[in-house]
Amino acid sequence: MQGDTPTTAAAVFAANRARGAVAFDVHARDGVTRCGSLHESGSLRVRFPSPEAEGLSAVLVNTAGGVAGGDRFDVDITAGEGTRLTLTSAAAEKIYRATDRPAELAISLKLAAGAQLAWLPQETILFDRAKVSRRIDIDVAEGASLLLCEMVVFGRIAMGERMRQGSFVDRWRVRLGGRLVFAENVRLDGDIGDKLAQPAIGGGAAAIATALIVPGDQALVERIRDVAANFGGEVGISAWNGFAMARFCAQDAARLRADILAVLSRAGGPPLPRLWFN
């Protein structure tokens, strides 16, 4: 608006940013998992589609219709002793072009002894010139089980769109039994398209993913390697510190998903969310 001062423009920008937060815990009673306390705010919601015999399924919904620069979303989930929870998202999350500040995403997962949690959101799609900073903190108690998969796609490949410029910062911290067992910071910025084309980074890939499996050992790694001949992209898997981790790199989201399905089917976890197949 003509005549606006920089301070006024910044205030208007901040007032139009989306904020969303979901925090809930689940508990088990007589072998049945149900939601306990639940807090929702802003444009982030969680829904529990239908009662299940023992476990519980949850779906995250972003009513803002996507994520833009300056937006912030927080998810905090606690799985109590002996619970079984599978969580996904209603659709792929789209990160749109940012003119200034990055979008901020914070995910916190806490698992008590005997809990089984599957964190399986659909893809995060970064549009050209998107900026996002994500933090994932995971605390797994002894005797708990975790199956987690995060997918990132750099552009809508099926629409002929690729992410050329932007920023993607991803910070992971994983603790088992209170001990830090995995810490990683990933940063891609500037000419992301050119960087992904380099053999040592992406080899021309436009879709990546990380799967974390707790507990995980060498026997699991060998089971997954048995199907390596069927992979459409690059897949690497190893186990250490009581968990297994698989890395995926593919030319497009379809091949990425196919490889992920092949790996997760060998992980022995819960059935994959039905929304993955819609």
Protein backbone atom coordinates (compact mmCIF):
# COMPACT_ATOMS: atom_id res chain seq x y z
CA MET A 1 0.00 0.00 0.00
CA GLN A 2 1.42 3.41 -1.02
CA GLY A 3 2.75 5.37 1.93
CA ASP A 4 3.17 2.38 4.21
CA THR A 5 6.29 2.42 6.35
CA PRO A 6 8.50 -0.72 6.48
CA THR A 7 7.23 -1.36 10.02
CA THR A 8 3.61 -1.27 8.87
CA ALA A 9 4.34 -3.56 5.92
CA ALA A 10 6.05 -6.06 8.23
CA ALA A 11 3.08 -5.98 10.61
CA VAL A 12 0.65 -6.63 7.77
CA PHE A 13 2.79 -9.52 6.53
CA ALA A 14 2.96 -11.06 10.01
CA ALA A 15 -0.79 -10.72 10.52
CA ASN A 16 -1.44 -12.70 7.35
CA ARG A 17 0.79 -15.65 8.22
CA ALA A 18 -0.78 -18.98 9.07
CA ARG A 19 -0.21 -20.48 12.51
CA GLY A 20 -1.21 -23.97 13.49
CA ALA A 21 -0.53 -26.35 16.34
CA VAL A 22 -1.69 -29.81 17.35
CA ALA A 23 -0.70 -31.46 20.61
CA PHE A 24 -2.23 -34.67 21.89
CA ASP A 25 -1.47 -37.83 23.78
CA VAL A 26 -2.86 -41.34 23.54
CA HIS A 27 -3.24 -43.89 26.30
CA ALA A 28 -4.11 -47.57 26.48
CA ARG A 29 -6.90 -48.99 28.62
CA ASP A 30 -7.65 -52.72 28.57
CA GLY A 31 -5.45 -53.04 25.49
CA VAL A 32 -7.34 -50.35 23.51
CA THR A 33 -5.67 -47.10 22.40
CA ARG A 34 -7.68 -43.91 22.63
CA CYS A 35 -6.95 -40.19 22.56
CA GLY A 36 -6.42 -38.47 25.89
CA SER A 37 -5.85 -34.72 26.02
CA LEU A 38 -6.03 -32.81 22.74
CA HIS A 39 -5.15 -29.23 21.84
CA GLU A 40 -5.68 -27.67 18.41
CA SER A 41 -5.08 -24.09 17.35
CA GLY A 42 -4.97 -22.07 14.17
CA SER A 43 -5.23 -23.89 10.86
CA LEU A 44 -3.93 -27.29 11.99
CA ARG A 45 -6.34 -30.06 12.98
CA VAL A 46 -6.21 -33.77 13.72
CA ARG A 47 -9.02 -36.22 13.02
CA PHE A 48 -9.50 -39.83 14.08
CA PRO A 49 -11.42 -41.36 11.15
CA SER A 50 -12.94 -44.43 12.80
CA PRO A 51 -12.64 -46.47 15.98
CA GLU A 52 -10.39 -49.50 15.73
CA ALA A 53 -10.32 -52.72 17.70
CA GLU A 54 -7.04 -51.96 19.46
CA GLY A 55 -4.94 -49.29 17.77
CA LEU A 56 -5.80 -45.76 16.70
CA SER A 57 -5.35 -43.91 13.39
CA ALA A 58 -5.00 -40.15 13.14
CA VAL A 59 -4.97 -37.76 10.18
CA LEU A 60 -3.44 -34.28 10.23
CA VAL A 61 -5.35 -31.63 8.27
CA ASN A 62 -3.98 -28.20 7.33
CA THR A 63 -7.02 -26.02 6.66
CA ALA A 64 -4.77 -23.24 5.32
CA GLY A 65 -4.39 -25.28 2.14
CA GLY A 66 -0.60 -25.18 2.15
CA VAL A 67 2.39 -23.52 3.77
CA ALA A 68 3.90 -20.17 2.79
CA GLY A 69 6.89 -18.15 3.94
CA GLY A 70 6.53 -16.96 7.53
CA ASP A 71 3.96 -19.63 8.45
CA ARG A 72 4.58 -21.83 11.49
CA PHE A 73 3.16 -25.25 12.32
CA ASP A 74 3.85 -27.36 15.40
CA VAL A 75 2.95 -30.99 16.09
CA ASP A 76 3.53 -32.57 19.51
CA ILE A 77 2.48 -36.21 20.07
CA THR A 78 2.96 -38.41 23.11
CA ALA A 79 2.27 -42.15 22.86
CA GLY A 80 1.71 -43.66 26.29
CA GLU A 81 2.71 -47.11 27.50
CA GLY A 82 1.37 -49.95 25.38
CA THR A 83 -0.38 -47.71 22.83
CA ARG A 84 -0.62 -48.26 19.07
CA LEU A 85 -0.91 -45.15 16.91
CA THR A 86 -0.62 -44.59 13.15
CA LEU A 87 -0.57 -41.03 11.87
CA THR A 88 -0.65 -39.64 8.34
CA SER A 89 -1.72 -36.44 6.58
CA ALA A 90 -4.87 -35.82 4.58
CA ALA A 91 -2.86 -34.86 1.49
CA ALA A 92 0.61 -33.95 0.34
CA GLU A 93 1.76 -30.76 2.06
CA LYS A 94 2.66 -27.97 -0.36
CA ILE A 95 5.32 -25.41 0.54
CA TYR A 96 4.82 -22.31 -1.61
CA ARG A 97 7.18 -19.58 -2.75
CA ALA A 98 8.49 -17.35 0.03
CA THR A 99 9.42 -13.71 -0.47
CA ASP A 100 11.09 -13.25 2.88
CA ARG A 101 11.15 -15.51 5.94
CA PRO A 102 11.00 -19.30 5.65
CA ALA A 103 8.12 -21.41 6.82
CA GLU A 104 8.84 -23.17 10.11
CA LEU A 105 7.75 -26.73 10.92
CA ALA A 106 8.37 -28.38 14.29
CA ILE A 107 7.55 -32.03 15.04
CA SER A 108 7.97 -33.65 18.45
CA LEU A 109 7.28 -37.36 18.99
CA LYS A 110 7.57 -39.04 22.39
CA LEU A 111 7.08 -42.79 22.89
CA ALA A 112 6.73 -44.46 26.29
CA ALA A 113 7.77 -48.07 26.97
CA GLY A 114 5.81 -50.55 24.87
CA ALA A 115 4.31 -47.88 22.60
CA GLN A 116 4.09 -48.45 18.84
CA LEU A 117 3.97 -45.32 16.70
CA ALA A 118 3.92 -45.07 12.90
CA TRP A 119 4.53 -41.54 11.61
CA LEU A 120 3.72 -41.72 7.90
CA PRO A 121 2.67 -38.36 6.42
CA GLN A 122 2.27 -37.97 2.69
CA GLU A 123 4.83 -36.05 0.65
CA THR A 124 6.06 -32.55 1.36
CA ILE A 125 6.21 -30.77 -2.01
CA LEU A 126 8.47 -27.73 -2.35
CA PHE A 127 7.53 -25.24 -5.07
CA ASP A 128 10.17 -23.14 -6.80
CA ARG A 129 11.62 -20.48 -4.45
CA ALA A 130 10.06 -22.10 -1.40
CA LYS A 131 11.86 -21.66 1.92
CA VAL A 132 11.30 -24.03 4.81
CA SER A 133 13.04 -24.84 8.07
CA ARG A 134 11.95 -28.08 9.74
CA ARG A 135 12.86 -29.59 13.09
CA ILE A 136 12.07 -33.18 14.10
CA ASP A 137 12.68 -34.28 17.70
CA ILE A 138 12.06 -37.93 18.62
CA ASP A 139 12.32 -39.48 22.07
CA VAL A 140 11.84 -43.27 22.14
CA ALA A 141 11.79 -45.12 25.47
CA GLU A 142 13.33 -48.58 25.84
CA GLY A 143 10.93 -51.21 24.52
CA ALA A 144 9.01 -48.83 22.25
CA SER A 145 8.68 -49.23 18.45
CA LEU A 146 8.77 -46.49 15.84
CA LEU A 147 8.22 -46.54 12.08
CA LEU A 148 8.76 -43.11 10.55
CA CYS A 149 8.99 -41.98 6.95
CA GLU A 150 9.37 -38.43 5.63
CA MET A 151 9.24 -37.70 1.90
CA VAL A 152 10.33 -34.46 0.21
CA VAL A 153 9.66 -33.70 -3.46
CA PHE A 154 11.38 -30.76 -5.14
CA GLY A 155 8.67 -29.53 -7.49
CA ARG A 156 5.52 -31.02 -9.04
CA ILE A 157 7.28 -33.29 -11.51
CA ALA A 158 4.04 -34.60 -13.05
CA MET A 159 3.15 -30.98 -13.94
CA GLY A 160 6.56 -30.35 -15.49
CA GLU A 161 7.60 -28.15 -12.55
CA ARG A 162 10.92 -28.40 -10.70
CA MET A 163 12.30 -26.48 -7.77
CA ARG A 164 15.18 -24.38 -9.05
CA GLN A 165 15.80 -21.90 -6.24
CA GLY A 166 14.94 -21.87 -2.57
CA SER A 167 15.95 -23.16 0.83
CA PHE A 168 15.40 -26.46 2.64
CA VAL A 169 16.80 -26.84 6.16
CA ASP A 170 16.08 -30.07 8.04
CA ARG A 171 17.23 -30.78 11.61
CA TRP A 172 16.72 -34.24 13.19
CA ARG A 173 17.46 -35.37 16.74
CA VAL A 174 16.66 -38.93 17.86
CA ARG A 175 17.00 -40.27 21.40
CA LEU A 176 16.65 -43.88 22.50
CA GLY A 177 16.27 -44.52 26.20
CA GLY A 178 17.21 -40.89 26.84
CA ARG A 179 20.49 -41.19 24.90
CA LEU A 180 21.12 -39.18 21.76
CA VAL A 181 21.73 -41.75 19.00
CA PHE A 182 21.23 -39.71 15.84
CA ALA A 183 21.73 -36.03 15.02
CA GLU A 184 21.66 -34.55 11.55
CA ASN A 185 21.38 -31.14 9.93
CA VAL A 186 20.64 -30.93 6.20
CA ARG A 187 20.80 -27.66 4.32
CA LEU A 188 20.06 -27.11 0.64
CA ASP A 189 19.77 -23.53 -0.52
CA GLY A 190 20.42 -21.25 -3.45
CA ASP A 191 20.49 -23.11 -6.77
CA ILE A 192 18.85 -26.27 -5.42
CA GLY A 193 18.06 -27.60 -8.89
CA ASP A 194 21.73 -27.42 -9.93
CA LYS A 195 22.88 -28.97 -6.66
CA LEU A 196 20.49 -31.91 -6.94
CA ALA A 197 21.82 -32.54 -10.44
CA GLN A 198 25.33 -33.16 -9.09
CA PRO A 199 26.27 -36.87 -8.80
CA ALA A 200 27.48 -36.54 -5.21
CA ILE A 201 24.23 -34.91 -4.05
CA GLY A 202 21.22 -36.11 -5.99
CA GLY A 203 22.36 -37.34 -9.39
CA GLY A 204 19.42 -35.53 -10.99
CA ALA A 205 16.88 -36.73 -8.44
CA ALA A 206 13.83 -34.65 -7.58
CA ALA A 207 12.47 -36.70 -4.66
CA ILE A 208 14.12 -37.89 -1.46
CA ALA A 209 12.99 -39.65 1.70
CA THR A 210 14.25 -40.97 5.01
CA ALA A 211 12.76 -43.92 6.88
CA LEU A 212 13.61 -44.57 10.52
CA ILE A 213 12.85 -47.98 12.04
CA VAL A 214 13.14 -48.65 15.78
CA PRO A 215 14.19 -51.24 16.76
CA GLY A 216 16.37 -52.10 13.77
CA ASP A 217 19.26 -54.47 13.30
CA GLN A 218 21.37 -56.09 10.61
CA ALA A 219 18.82 -58.85 10.08
CA LEU A 220 16.26 -56.21 9.06
CA VAL A 221 18.81 -54.60 6.75
CA GLU A 222 19.39 -57.93 5.00
CA ARG A 223 15.63 -58.52 4.57
CA ILE A 224 15.31 -55.18 2.86
CA ARG A 225 18.37 -55.72 0.69
CA ASP A 226 16.78 -58.90 -0.61
CA VAL A 227 14.40 -56.75 -2.69
CA ALA A 228 17.06 -54.24 -3.84
CA ALA A 229 16.87 -55.46 -7.45
CA ASN A 230 13.33 -54.08 -7.68
CA PHE A 231 14.15 -50.53 -6.63
CA GLY A 232 13.46 -47.81 -9.20
CA GLY A 233 15.73 -45.26 -7.53
CA GLU A 234 18.71 -45.21 -5.21
CA VAL A 235 18.15 -46.80 -1.79
CA GLY A 236 20.66 -47.21 1.01
CA ILE A 237 20.03 -48.81 4.38
CA SER A 238 22.09 -49.47 7.47
CA ALA A 239 21.60 -50.19 11.18
CA TRP A 240 23.44 -48.91 14.23
CA ASN A 241 22.71 -47.76 17.79
CA GLY A 242 19.59 -49.95 17.92
CA PHE A 243 17.79 -48.52 14.89
CA ALA A 244 17.77 -48.86 11.11
CA MET A 245 17.64 -46.02 8.62
CA ALA A 246 16.86 -46.11 4.91
CA ARG A 247 17.63 -43.26 2.51
CA PHE A 248 15.77 -42.87 -0.77
CA CYS A 249 16.58 -40.83 -3.86
CA ALA A 250 14.43 -41.00 -7.00
CA GLN A 251 13.63 -39.15 -10.21
CA ASP A 252 10.01 -38.56 -9.24
CA ALA A 253 7.48 -39.10 -6.45
CA ALA A 254 5.94 -42.21 -8.03
CA ARG A 255 9.22 -44.12 -8.07
CA LEU A 256 10.03 -42.84 -4.59
CA ARG A 257 6.75 -44.17 -3.20
CA ALA A 258 7.22 -47.54 -4.88
CA ASP A 259 10.63 -47.96 -3.26
CA ILE A 260 9.32 -46.84 0.12
CA LEU A 261 6.44 -49.32 -0.05
CA ALA A 262 8.91 -52.12 -0.81
CA VAL A 263 11.05 -51.20 2.20
CA LEU A 264 8.23 -50.60 4.69
CA SER A 265 6.56 -53.88 3.73
CA ARG A 266 9.70 -55.61 5.01
CA ALA A 267 9.88 -53.60 8.21
CA GLY A 268 7.12 -55.59 9.89
CA GLY A 269 5.21 -52.54 11.10
CA PRO A 270 1.48 -51.74 11.02
CA PRO A 271 -0.52 -51.59 7.76
CA LEU A 272 0.17 -48.44 5.76
CA PRO A 273 -2.50 -45.68 5.90
CA ARG A 274 -5.30 -46.11 3.39
CA LEU A 275 -4.87 -42.47 2.33
CA TRP A 276 -1.54 -43.44 0.77
CA PHE A 277 -3.45 -45.47 -1.85
CA ASN A 278 -6.28 -43.03 -2.68
